[in-house]
Amino acid sequence: MNRRTFGLAASLAAAALFAPCLAVADDRLAQAIYHMKEAVVQGKQLHDASLLAYHADLALEKAEAIEKFKPDPHTAEAIVHIKAAIEEARANHGDAATSHAQEALGHLEEAAK
């Protein structure tokens, strides 16, 4: 009986210790997706490359943090496209930046599944 009680207590302690970390990763992914959606809106509807770059930069910060915590091929590919979107937006190439932002958004949404 003592082994079972100890095992249960140890597993509950481990769950309590690691659960907040998992919640933070999910929250960062949700924030990255939100900012990439905003970047796409800025590029498609408002044709504002500077705001696209701003939101993509915020998404990049979140995506890189996720990639350090929980590596995923979709997140890694999203980071590549986010960086490309930022470069294109800073060069004032709105269509190319929007295209990269859409691609990054797709990869982030796949990582969320």
N, C-alpha and C. Protein backbone atom coordinates (compact mmCIF):
# COMPACT_ATOMS: atom_id res chain seq x y z
N MET A 1 0.82 -1.19 0.00
CA MET A 1 0.00 0.00 0.00
C MET A 1 0.86 1.26 0.00
N ASN A 2 1.96 1.24 0.72
CA ASN A 2 2.82 2.41 0.78
C ASN A 2 3.44 2.71 -0.57
N ARG A 3 3.79 1.67 -1.32
CA ARG A 3 4.37 1.89 -2.65
C ARG A 3 3.36 2.55 -3.58
N ARG A 4 2.14 2.10 -3.51
CA ARG A 4 1.10 2.69 -4.36
C ARG A 4 0.87 4.15 -3.99
N THR A 5 0.81 4.42 -2.73
CA THR A 5 0.60 5.79 -2.27
C THR A 5 1.76 6.68 -2.69
N PHE A 6 2.97 6.17 -2.51
CA PHE A 6 4.15 6.93 -2.91
C PHE A 6 4.17 7.15 -4.43
N GLY A 7 3.84 6.12 -5.19
CA GLY A 7 3.81 6.23 -6.65
C GLY A 7 2.78 7.25 -7.11
N LEU A 8 1.62 7.22 -6.48
CA LEU A 8 0.57 8.18 -6.82
C LEU A 8 1.01 9.60 -6.48
N ALA A 9 1.59 9.77 -5.31
CA ALA A 9 2.05 11.10 -4.90
C ALA A 9 3.15 11.61 -5.83
N ALA A 10 4.06 10.72 -6.20
CA ALA A 10 5.16 11.13 -7.10
C ALA A 10 4.63 11.51 -8.47
N SER A 11 3.68 10.75 -8.99
CA SER A 11 3.14 11.07 -10.32
C SER A 11 2.32 12.36 -10.29
N LEU A 12 1.59 12.59 -9.22
CA LEU A 12 0.84 13.85 -9.11
C LEU A 12 1.79 15.04 -8.98
N ALA A 13 2.86 14.86 -8.26
CA ALA A 13 3.85 15.94 -8.12
C ALA A 13 4.50 16.24 -9.46
N ALA A 14 4.83 15.21 -10.22
CA ALA A 14 5.43 15.41 -11.54
C ALA A 14 4.46 16.11 -12.48
N ALA A 15 3.20 15.72 -12.42
CA ALA A 15 2.19 16.36 -13.27
C ALA A 15 2.03 17.83 -12.89
N ALA A 16 2.01 18.10 -11.61
CA ALA A 16 1.87 19.49 -11.16
C ALA A 16 3.09 20.33 -11.54
N LEU A 17 4.24 19.68 -11.59
CA LEU A 17 5.47 20.39 -11.93
C LEU A 17 5.54 20.72 -13.42
N PHE A 18 5.14 19.79 -14.27
CA PHE A 18 5.30 19.97 -15.71
C PHE A 18 4.07 20.53 -16.42
N ALA A 19 2.92 20.47 -15.84
CA ALA A 19 1.70 20.96 -16.49
C ALA A 19 1.76 22.45 -16.82
N PRO A 20 2.26 23.31 -15.93
CA PRO A 20 2.33 24.73 -16.30
C PRO A 20 3.23 25.00 -17.51
N CYS A 21 4.30 24.23 -17.65
CA CYS A 21 5.20 24.41 -18.80
C CYS A 21 4.48 24.08 -20.10
N LEU A 22 3.69 23.03 -20.09
CA LEU A 22 2.95 22.65 -21.29
C LEU A 22 1.90 23.70 -21.63
N ALA A 23 1.28 24.26 -20.62
CA ALA A 23 0.27 25.30 -20.85
C ALA A 23 0.91 26.54 -21.45
N VAL A 24 2.11 26.89 -20.99
CA VAL A 24 2.81 28.06 -21.53
C VAL A 24 3.16 27.83 -22.99
N ALA A 25 3.58 26.63 -23.34
CA ALA A 25 3.93 26.34 -24.74
C ALA A 25 2.69 26.47 -25.62
N ASP A 26 1.56 25.94 -25.16
CA ASP A 26 0.33 26.06 -25.94
C ASP A 26 -0.09 27.51 -26.08
N ASP A 27 0.09 28.29 -25.02
CA ASP A 27 -0.27 29.70 -25.05
C ASP A 27 0.61 30.45 -26.05
N ARG A 28 1.89 30.13 -26.06
CA ARG A 28 2.80 30.80 -27.01
C ARG A 28 2.45 30.43 -28.44
N LEU A 29 2.08 29.20 -28.66
CA LEU A 29 1.69 28.78 -30.01
C LEU A 29 0.43 29.52 -30.44
N ALA A 30 -0.52 29.64 -29.54
CA ALA A 30 -1.74 30.39 -29.85
C ALA A 30 -1.43 31.85 -30.15
N GLN A 31 -0.50 32.42 -29.40
CA GLN A 31 -0.11 33.81 -29.64
C GLN A 31 0.61 33.96 -30.98
N ALA A 32 1.46 33.00 -31.31
CA ALA A 32 2.16 33.04 -32.60
C ALA A 32 1.16 32.95 -33.75
N ILE A 33 0.17 32.08 -33.61
CA ILE A 33 -0.86 31.95 -34.65
C ILE A 33 -1.65 33.24 -34.77
N TYR A 34 -2.00 33.83 -33.63
CA TYR A 34 -2.74 35.09 -33.66
C TYR A 34 -1.96 36.17 -34.41
N HIS A 35 -0.68 36.30 -34.08
CA HIS A 35 0.12 37.36 -34.72
C HIS A 35 0.33 37.08 -36.21
N MET A 36 0.44 35.82 -36.58
CA MET A 36 0.58 35.53 -38.02
C MET A 36 -0.73 35.80 -38.75
N LYS A 37 -1.86 35.54 -38.11
CA LYS A 37 -3.14 35.90 -38.73
C LYS A 37 -3.23 37.41 -38.93
N GLU A 38 -2.78 38.15 -37.93
CA GLU A 38 -2.78 39.61 -38.04
C GLU A 38 -1.83 40.06 -39.15
N ALA A 39 -0.69 39.40 -39.27
CA ALA A 39 0.27 39.75 -40.32
C ALA A 39 -0.35 39.52 -41.70
N VAL A 40 -1.06 38.42 -41.85
CA VAL A 40 -1.71 38.13 -43.13
C VAL A 40 -2.78 39.18 -43.43
N VAL A 41 -3.54 39.56 -42.43
CA VAL A 41 -4.56 40.60 -42.63
C VAL A 41 -3.90 41.91 -43.05
N GLN A 42 -2.82 42.26 -42.39
CA GLN A 42 -2.12 43.50 -42.73
C GLN A 42 -1.62 43.46 -44.17
N GLY A 43 -1.14 42.31 -44.60
CA GLY A 43 -0.61 42.20 -45.95
C GLY A 43 -1.69 42.12 -47.01
N LYS A 44 -2.74 41.34 -46.75
CA LYS A 44 -3.77 41.13 -47.76
C LYS A 44 -4.74 42.30 -47.87
N GLN A 45 -5.29 42.70 -46.75
CA GLN A 45 -6.37 43.68 -46.79
C GLN A 45 -5.89 45.11 -46.69
N LEU A 46 -4.91 45.34 -45.84
CA LEU A 46 -4.48 46.72 -45.60
C LEU A 46 -3.22 47.11 -46.37
N HIS A 47 -2.54 46.13 -46.93
CA HIS A 47 -1.32 46.37 -47.71
C HIS A 47 -0.31 47.21 -46.93
N ASP A 48 -0.14 46.87 -45.66
CA ASP A 48 0.77 47.60 -44.79
C ASP A 48 1.94 46.69 -44.42
N ALA A 49 3.05 46.85 -45.12
CA ALA A 49 4.20 45.98 -44.92
C ALA A 49 4.85 46.18 -43.55
N SER A 50 4.82 47.40 -43.04
CA SER A 50 5.46 47.64 -41.74
C SER A 50 4.71 46.94 -40.61
N LEU A 51 3.38 46.96 -40.65
CA LEU A 51 2.62 46.25 -39.63
C LEU A 51 2.71 44.74 -39.82
N LEU A 52 2.82 44.31 -41.06
CA LEU A 52 3.03 42.89 -41.31
C LEU A 52 4.35 42.46 -40.66
N ALA A 53 5.39 43.24 -40.85
CA ALA A 53 6.69 42.92 -40.25
C ALA A 53 6.61 42.94 -38.73
N TYR A 54 5.86 43.88 -38.18
CA TYR A 54 5.71 43.99 -36.73
C TYR A 54 5.07 42.72 -36.15
N HIS A 55 3.95 42.31 -36.74
CA HIS A 55 3.26 41.13 -36.23
C HIS A 55 4.07 39.86 -36.49
N ALA A 56 4.74 39.81 -37.62
CA ALA A 56 5.57 38.64 -37.91
C ALA A 56 6.73 38.56 -36.92
N ASP A 57 7.27 39.70 -36.54
CA ASP A 57 8.36 39.72 -35.56
C ASP A 57 7.88 39.20 -34.20
N LEU A 58 6.68 39.60 -33.81
CA LEU A 58 6.12 39.10 -32.55
C LEU A 58 5.87 37.59 -32.63
N ALA A 59 5.38 37.14 -33.77
CA ALA A 59 5.15 35.70 -33.96
C ALA A 59 6.47 34.94 -33.95
N LEU A 60 7.50 35.53 -34.53
CA LEU A 60 8.82 34.89 -34.55
C LEU A 60 9.34 34.68 -33.14
N GLU A 61 9.18 35.68 -32.31
CA GLU A 61 9.62 35.57 -30.91
C GLU A 61 8.94 34.39 -30.22
N LYS A 62 7.64 34.26 -30.42
CA LYS A 62 6.89 33.16 -29.79
C LYS A 62 7.28 31.82 -30.40
N ALA A 63 7.41 31.78 -31.72
CA ALA A 63 7.73 30.51 -32.40
C ALA A 63 9.11 30.01 -32.01
N GLU A 64 10.07 30.90 -31.89
CA GLU A 64 11.41 30.48 -31.49
C GLU A 64 11.42 29.95 -30.06
N ALA A 65 10.63 30.56 -29.20
CA ALA A 65 10.53 30.06 -27.82
C ALA A 65 9.90 28.67 -27.80
N ILE A 66 8.90 28.46 -28.63
CA ILE A 66 8.26 27.14 -28.71
C ILE A 66 9.26 26.11 -29.23
N GLU A 67 10.00 26.50 -30.25
CA GLU A 67 10.96 25.57 -30.87
C GLU A 67 12.05 25.15 -29.88
N LYS A 68 12.46 26.06 -29.01
CA LYS A 68 13.45 25.70 -27.99
C LYS A 68 12.86 24.73 -26.97
N PHE A 69 11.60 24.96 -26.62
CA PHE A 69 10.95 24.15 -25.59
C PHE A 69 10.52 22.80 -26.13
N LYS A 70 9.91 22.82 -27.32
CA LYS A 70 9.34 21.60 -27.89
C LYS A 70 9.57 21.60 -29.40
N PRO A 71 10.71 21.08 -29.85
CA PRO A 71 11.03 21.09 -31.28
C PRO A 71 9.98 20.35 -32.11
N ASP A 72 9.65 20.93 -33.25
CA ASP A 72 8.66 20.35 -34.15
C ASP A 72 9.03 20.77 -35.57
N PRO A 73 8.94 19.87 -36.54
CA PRO A 73 9.30 20.26 -37.91
C PRO A 73 8.41 21.36 -38.48
N HIS A 74 7.14 21.38 -38.09
CA HIS A 74 6.25 22.43 -38.59
C HIS A 74 6.63 23.79 -38.00
N THR A 75 6.98 23.80 -36.74
CA THR A 75 7.41 25.05 -36.12
C THR A 75 8.70 25.55 -36.75
N ALA A 76 9.62 24.63 -37.01
CA ALA A 76 10.89 25.02 -37.63
C ALA A 76 10.66 25.60 -39.02
N GLU A 77 9.79 24.99 -39.79
CA GLU A 77 9.48 25.50 -41.13
C GLU A 77 8.75 26.84 -41.04
N ALA A 78 7.90 26.98 -40.04
CA ALA A 78 7.20 28.26 -39.85
C ALA A 78 8.20 29.37 -39.56
N ILE A 79 9.20 29.08 -38.76
CA ILE A 79 10.22 30.08 -38.43
C ILE A 79 10.94 30.55 -39.69
N VAL A 80 11.25 29.61 -40.58
CA VAL A 80 11.92 29.97 -41.84
C VAL A 80 11.04 30.95 -42.64
N HIS A 81 9.75 30.64 -42.72
CA HIS A 81 8.84 31.50 -43.50
C HIS A 81 8.57 32.83 -42.79
N ILE A 82 8.54 32.81 -41.47
CA ILE A 82 8.34 34.07 -40.74
C ILE A 82 9.52 35.01 -40.99
N LYS A 83 10.73 34.46 -40.93
CA LYS A 83 11.92 35.28 -41.19
C LYS A 83 11.91 35.83 -42.62
N ALA A 84 11.49 34.99 -43.56
CA ALA A 84 11.41 35.45 -44.95
C ALA A 84 10.34 36.53 -45.10
N ALA A 85 9.23 36.38 -44.39
CA ALA A 85 8.16 37.39 -44.45
C ALA A 85 8.66 38.72 -43.89
N ILE A 86 9.41 38.66 -42.82
CA ILE A 86 9.95 39.89 -42.22
C ILE A 86 10.91 40.57 -43.19
N GLU A 87 11.80 39.79 -43.79
CA GLU A 87 12.76 40.37 -44.75
C GLU A 87 12.04 41.01 -45.94
N GLU A 88 11.06 40.30 -46.47
CA GLU A 88 10.32 40.84 -47.62
C GLU A 88 9.52 42.08 -47.24
N ALA A 89 8.93 42.07 -46.06
CA ALA A 89 8.15 43.23 -45.61
C ALA A 89 9.05 44.44 -45.40
N ARG A 90 10.23 44.22 -44.84
CA ARG A 90 11.16 45.33 -44.63
C ARG A 90 11.69 45.88 -45.95
N ALA A 91 11.71 45.03 -46.98
CA ALA A 91 12.11 45.48 -48.31
C ALA A 91 10.91 46.06 -49.07
N ASN A 92 9.76 46.12 -48.39
CA ASN A 92 8.52 46.67 -48.93
C ASN A 92 7.98 45.85 -50.10
N HIS A 93 8.18 44.54 -50.03
CA HIS A 93 7.62 43.61 -51.01
C HIS A 93 6.41 42.93 -50.36
N GLY A 94 5.30 43.63 -50.38
CA GLY A 94 4.11 43.19 -49.64
C GLY A 94 3.55 41.85 -50.07
N ASP A 95 3.49 41.61 -51.38
CA ASP A 95 2.91 40.35 -51.86
C ASP A 95 3.75 39.15 -51.45
N ALA A 96 5.04 39.26 -51.60
CA ALA A 96 5.93 38.15 -51.22
C ALA A 96 5.89 37.94 -49.70
N ALA A 97 5.85 39.03 -48.96
CA ALA A 97 5.79 38.93 -47.49
C ALA A 97 4.49 38.26 -47.06
N THR A 98 3.40 38.63 -47.70
CA THR A 98 2.11 38.03 -47.37
C THR A 98 2.10 36.54 -47.69
N SER A 99 2.70 36.18 -48.80
CA SER A 99 2.78 34.77 -49.19
C SER A 99 3.55 33.96 -48.15
N HIS A 100 4.67 34.49 -47.70
CA HIS A 100 5.45 33.80 -46.67
C HIS A 100 4.68 33.75 -45.34
N ALA A 101 3.98 34.82 -45.03
CA ALA A 101 3.20 34.85 -43.79
C ALA A 101 2.09 33.79 -43.82
N GLN A 102 1.44 33.64 -44.97
CA GLN A 102 0.40 32.62 -45.09
C GLN A 102 0.99 31.22 -44.94
N GLU A 103 2.13 31.00 -45.54
CA GLU A 103 2.80 29.70 -45.44
C GLU A 103 3.19 29.42 -43.98
N ALA A 104 3.71 30.42 -43.30
CA ALA A 104 4.08 30.26 -41.89
C ALA A 104 2.86 29.97 -41.04
N LEU A 105 1.77 30.66 -41.33
CA LEU A 105 0.53 30.43 -40.58
C LEU A 105 0.06 28.99 -40.74
N GLY A 106 0.14 28.48 -41.95
CA GLY A 106 -0.25 27.09 -42.18
C GLY A 106 0.59 26.12 -41.38
N HIS A 107 1.88 26.36 -41.32
CA HIS A 107 2.76 25.47 -40.55
C HIS A 107 2.50 25.59 -39.04
N LEU A 108 2.24 26.79 -38.58
CA LEU A 108 1.93 26.95 -37.15
C LEU A 108 0.63 26.25 -36.79
N GLU A 109 -0.35 26.35 -37.68
CA GLU A 109 -1.62 25.67 -37.41
C GLU A 109 -1.45 24.15 -37.43
N GLU A 110 -0.56 23.66 -38.28
CA GLU A 110 -0.27 22.22 -38.29
C GLU A 110 0.43 21.81 -36.99
N ALA A 111 1.30 22.66 -36.50
CA ALA A 111 2.00 22.36 -35.25
C ALA A 111 1.03 22.33 -34.07
N ALA A 112 -0.05 23.09 -34.18
CA ALA A 112 -1.03 23.14 -33.09
C ALA A 112 -1.90 21.90 -33.03
N LYS A 113 -1.94 21.13 -34.11
CA LYS A 113 -2.80 19.93 -34.12
C LYS A 113 -2.22 18.82 -33.29
